[in-house]
Amino acid sequence: MINKIDLKELKLLFKDNKCVLIEDFDNAIIGIKEGFHKAAVYDTYLCINILIEKGMNQEQATDYFYKKVVDHHVGFYCPIFIKTI
């Protein structure tokens, strides 16, 4: 059986591979992109929920997430955002 990696181990792996992490969104990390340029993988819905928990409404959180988080992070080591099903 394959064991899943825990968040502490994952954060060390991110650091070792120069991955960009987003402050305050640790609870939205769901994995790491494999390959030559590794990247942190975040759940879009969890990110938006974190913003809502900080006091934004749904529309403000969604708008902020796409304009200030997703569009701001580009490049090889920047995070990947996915919508889970």
N, C-alpha and C. Protein backbone atom coordinates (compact mmCIF):
# COMPACT_ATOMS: atom_id res chain seq x y z
N MET A 1 0.84 -1.18 0.00
CA MET A 1 0.00 0.00 0.00
C MET A 1 0.89 1.25 0.00
N ILE A 2 0.49 2.25 -0.76
CA ILE A 2 1.24 3.50 -0.84
C ILE A 2 0.75 4.44 0.25
N ASN A 3 1.68 5.02 1.01
CA ASN A 3 1.33 5.96 2.06
C ASN A 3 1.27 7.37 1.50
N LYS A 4 0.27 8.13 1.93
CA LYS A 4 0.16 9.52 1.53
C LYS A 4 1.14 10.35 2.34
N ILE A 5 1.60 11.44 1.75
CA ILE A 5 2.52 12.34 2.41
C ILE A 5 1.72 13.32 3.27
N ASP A 6 2.25 13.71 4.43
CA ASP A 6 1.52 14.67 5.26
C ASP A 6 1.95 16.10 4.92
N LEU A 7 1.22 17.08 5.43
CA LEU A 7 1.46 18.48 5.07
C LEU A 7 2.86 18.94 5.46
N LYS A 8 3.37 18.48 6.59
CA LYS A 8 4.71 18.87 7.03
C LYS A 8 5.76 18.39 6.02
N GLU A 9 5.66 17.14 5.61
CA GLU A 9 6.59 16.60 4.61
C GLU A 9 6.44 17.31 3.27
N LEU A 10 5.20 17.61 2.92
CA LEU A 10 4.90 18.28 1.67
C LEU A 10 5.53 19.67 1.64
N LYS A 11 5.45 20.41 2.75
CA LYS A 11 6.03 21.75 2.82
C LYS A 11 7.56 21.70 2.68
N LEU A 12 8.18 20.67 3.23
CA LEU A 12 9.63 20.51 3.06
C LEU A 12 9.96 20.23 1.59
N LEU A 13 9.15 19.42 0.94
CA LEU A 13 9.33 19.12 -0.47
C LEU A 13 9.17 20.39 -1.31
N PHE A 14 8.17 21.22 -0.96
CA PHE A 14 7.98 22.50 -1.66
C PHE A 14 9.23 23.37 -1.53
N LYS A 15 9.73 23.48 -0.31
CA LYS A 15 10.91 24.32 -0.05
C LYS A 15 12.12 23.82 -0.83
N ASP A 16 12.34 22.53 -0.81
CA ASP A 16 13.48 21.93 -1.52
C ASP A 16 13.38 22.13 -3.04
N ASN A 17 12.18 22.30 -3.56
CA ASN A 17 11.98 22.43 -5.00
C ASN A 17 11.60 23.84 -5.44
N LYS A 18 11.83 24.82 -4.57
CA LYS A 18 11.61 26.24 -4.88
C LYS A 18 10.16 26.58 -5.19
N CYS A 19 9.23 25.78 -4.73
CA CYS A 19 7.81 26.03 -5.00
C CYS A 19 7.33 27.29 -4.29
N VAL A 20 6.53 28.06 -4.97
CA VAL A 20 5.92 29.25 -4.39
C VAL A 20 4.67 28.83 -3.62
N LEU A 21 4.59 29.26 -2.37
CA LEU A 21 3.40 28.98 -1.55
C LEU A 21 2.67 30.29 -1.29
N ILE A 22 1.37 30.20 -1.08
CA ILE A 22 0.56 31.38 -0.83
C ILE A 22 0.27 31.47 0.66
N GLU A 23 0.65 32.59 1.24
CA GLU A 23 0.45 32.81 2.66
C GLU A 23 -1.03 32.69 3.02
N ASP A 24 -1.31 32.05 4.14
CA ASP A 24 -2.66 31.87 4.68
C ASP A 24 -3.54 30.86 3.95
N PHE A 25 -3.01 30.16 2.97
CA PHE A 25 -3.81 29.19 2.23
C PHE A 25 -3.34 27.74 2.43
N ASP A 26 -2.62 27.47 3.51
CA ASP A 26 -2.11 26.12 3.76
C ASP A 26 -3.22 25.07 3.78
N ASN A 27 -4.38 25.43 4.31
CA ASN A 27 -5.48 24.46 4.41
C ASN A 27 -6.10 24.13 3.06
N ALA A 28 -5.69 24.83 2.02
CA ALA A 28 -6.22 24.57 0.67
C ALA A 28 -5.24 23.76 -0.18
N ILE A 29 -4.07 23.45 0.37
CA ILE A 29 -3.09 22.64 -0.36
C ILE A 29 -3.60 21.21 -0.45
N ILE A 30 -3.61 20.68 -1.67
CA ILE A 30 -4.09 19.30 -1.83
C ILE A 30 -3.03 18.40 -2.44
N GLY A 31 -1.87 18.97 -2.82
CA GLY A 31 -0.84 18.11 -3.38
C GLY A 31 0.29 18.88 -4.03
N ILE A 32 1.07 18.15 -4.80
CA ILE A 32 2.21 18.72 -5.51
C ILE A 32 2.21 18.20 -6.94
N LYS A 33 2.47 19.10 -7.89
CA LYS A 33 2.58 18.70 -9.29
C LYS A 33 3.94 18.04 -9.47
N GLU A 34 3.95 16.88 -10.04
CA GLU A 34 5.19 16.17 -10.31
C GLU A 34 5.79 16.64 -11.62
N GLY A 35 7.04 16.31 -11.84
CA GLY A 35 7.70 16.67 -13.08
C GLY A 35 8.94 17.50 -12.82
N PHE A 36 9.50 18.05 -13.89
CA PHE A 36 10.74 18.82 -13.80
C PHE A 36 10.58 20.03 -12.89
N HIS A 37 9.51 20.79 -13.09
CA HIS A 37 9.21 21.94 -12.24
C HIS A 37 8.03 21.57 -11.35
N LYS A 38 8.33 21.24 -10.11
CA LYS A 38 7.27 20.90 -9.17
C LYS A 38 6.52 22.17 -8.78
N ALA A 39 5.27 22.03 -8.37
CA ALA A 39 4.46 23.17 -7.95
C ALA A 39 3.43 22.73 -6.94
N ALA A 40 3.11 23.62 -6.02
CA ALA A 40 2.05 23.37 -5.05
C ALA A 40 0.71 23.36 -5.79
N VAL A 41 -0.17 22.46 -5.38
CA VAL A 41 -1.50 22.38 -5.98
C VAL A 41 -2.53 22.76 -4.90
N TYR A 42 -3.36 23.72 -5.25
CA TYR A 42 -4.39 24.23 -4.33
C TYR A 42 -5.78 23.93 -4.89
N ASP A 43 -6.72 23.69 -3.99
CA ASP A 43 -8.12 23.52 -4.35
C ASP A 43 -8.76 24.91 -4.41
N THR A 44 -9.26 25.29 -5.57
CA THR A 44 -9.87 26.60 -5.77
C THR A 44 -10.98 26.87 -4.76
N TYR A 45 -11.87 25.91 -4.57
CA TYR A 45 -13.00 26.10 -3.67
C TYR A 45 -12.55 26.30 -2.22
N LEU A 46 -11.53 25.56 -1.81
CA LEU A 46 -11.02 25.74 -0.45
C LEU A 46 -10.39 27.11 -0.28
N CYS A 47 -9.70 27.60 -1.30
CA CYS A 47 -9.11 28.95 -1.24
C CYS A 47 -10.20 30.00 -1.07
N ILE A 48 -11.25 29.90 -1.86
CA ILE A 48 -12.35 30.87 -1.77
C ILE A 48 -13.03 30.77 -0.41
N ASN A 49 -13.20 29.58 0.10
CA ASN A 49 -13.81 29.42 1.43
C ASN A 49 -12.95 30.05 2.52
N ILE A 50 -11.64 29.98 2.40
CA ILE A 50 -10.74 30.63 3.36
C ILE A 50 -10.98 32.14 3.36
N LEU A 51 -11.13 32.71 2.17
CA LEU A 51 -11.39 34.15 2.07
C LEU A 51 -12.75 34.51 2.67
N ILE A 52 -13.74 33.66 2.48
CA ILE A 52 -15.06 33.88 3.07
C ILE A 52 -14.97 33.83 4.60
N GLU A 53 -14.21 32.88 5.12
CA GLU A 53 -14.02 32.78 6.57
C GLU A 53 -13.33 34.01 7.14
N LYS A 54 -12.56 34.71 6.32
CA LYS A 54 -11.88 35.93 6.76
C LYS A 54 -12.78 37.15 6.67
N GLY A 55 -14.04 36.98 6.20
CA GLY A 55 -14.99 38.07 6.23
C GLY A 55 -15.51 38.56 4.89
N MET A 56 -15.04 38.00 3.80
CA MET A 56 -15.55 38.41 2.49
C MET A 56 -16.83 37.65 2.19
N ASN A 57 -17.70 38.25 1.36
CA ASN A 57 -18.85 37.49 0.89
C ASN A 57 -18.42 36.66 -0.31
N GLN A 58 -19.30 35.81 -0.82
CA GLN A 58 -18.97 34.89 -1.92
C GLN A 58 -18.42 35.64 -3.14
N GLU A 59 -19.10 36.70 -3.53
CA GLU A 59 -18.70 37.45 -4.72
C GLU A 59 -17.34 38.13 -4.52
N GLN A 60 -17.14 38.76 -3.37
CA GLN A 60 -15.87 39.42 -3.08
C GLN A 60 -14.72 38.41 -3.05
N ALA A 61 -14.96 37.27 -2.41
CA ALA A 61 -13.93 36.25 -2.28
C ALA A 61 -13.54 35.68 -3.65
N THR A 62 -14.54 35.40 -4.46
CA THR A 62 -14.28 34.85 -5.80
C THR A 62 -13.52 35.86 -6.65
N ASP A 63 -13.97 37.10 -6.62
CA ASP A 63 -13.33 38.16 -7.39
C ASP A 63 -11.88 38.36 -6.95
N TYR A 64 -11.68 38.44 -5.64
CA TYR A 64 -10.33 38.62 -5.08
C TYR A 64 -9.44 37.44 -5.47
N PHE A 65 -9.96 36.23 -5.33
CA PHE A 65 -9.17 35.04 -5.63
C PHE A 65 -8.65 35.05 -7.06
N TYR A 66 -9.53 35.32 -8.01
CA TYR A 66 -9.11 35.28 -9.42
C TYR A 66 -8.24 36.47 -9.81
N LYS A 67 -8.51 37.64 -9.28
CA LYS A 67 -7.75 38.83 -9.66
C LYS A 67 -6.44 38.99 -8.91
N LYS A 68 -6.43 38.65 -7.62
CA LYS A 68 -5.27 38.92 -6.78
C LYS A 68 -4.42 37.69 -6.48
N VAL A 69 -4.98 36.52 -6.65
CA VAL A 69 -4.22 35.30 -6.34
C VAL A 69 -3.85 34.56 -7.62
N VAL A 70 -4.83 34.12 -8.37
CA VAL A 70 -4.57 33.32 -9.57
C VAL A 70 -3.78 34.12 -10.61
N ASP A 71 -4.26 35.31 -10.94
CA ASP A 71 -3.60 36.11 -11.98
C ASP A 71 -2.24 36.64 -11.55
N HIS A 72 -1.99 36.66 -10.26
CA HIS A 72 -0.72 37.19 -9.73
C HIS A 72 0.39 36.15 -9.77
N HIS A 73 0.05 34.89 -9.73
CA HIS A 73 1.04 33.82 -9.64
C HIS A 73 1.25 33.16 -11.00
N VAL A 74 2.36 33.48 -11.63
CA VAL A 74 2.72 32.88 -12.91
C VAL A 74 4.18 32.46 -12.88
N GLY A 75 4.54 31.48 -13.68
CA GLY A 75 5.92 31.02 -13.75
C GLY A 75 6.05 29.55 -13.44
N PHE A 76 7.27 29.07 -13.55
CA PHE A 76 7.54 27.64 -13.38
C PHE A 76 7.20 27.10 -12.00
N TYR A 77 7.51 27.83 -10.94
CA TYR A 77 7.36 27.30 -9.59
C TYR A 77 6.11 27.80 -8.88
N CYS A 78 5.29 28.55 -9.59
CA CYS A 78 4.08 29.11 -9.00
C CYS A 78 3.01 28.02 -8.85
N PRO A 79 2.10 28.26 -7.93
CA PRO A 79 1.09 27.24 -7.65
C PRO A 79 0.12 26.99 -8.80
N ILE A 80 -0.51 25.85 -8.70
CA ILE A 80 -1.55 25.44 -9.64
C ILE A 80 -2.85 25.41 -8.84
N PHE A 81 -3.91 25.91 -9.45
CA PHE A 81 -5.22 25.92 -8.80
C PHE A 81 -6.16 25.03 -9.61
N ILE A 82 -6.84 24.13 -8.91
CA ILE A 82 -7.77 23.25 -9.59
C ILE A 82 -9.11 23.26 -8.89
N LYS A 83 -10.15 22.99 -9.66
CA LYS A 83 -11.48 22.82 -9.10
C LYS A 83 -11.72 21.32 -8.97
N THR A 84 -11.90 20.88 -7.75
CA THR A 84 -12.12 19.46 -7.51
C THR A 84 -13.57 19.10 -7.79
N ILE A 85 -13.79 17.83 -8.12
CA ILE A 85 -15.16 17.38 -8.36
C ILE A 85 -15.50 16.25 -7.40
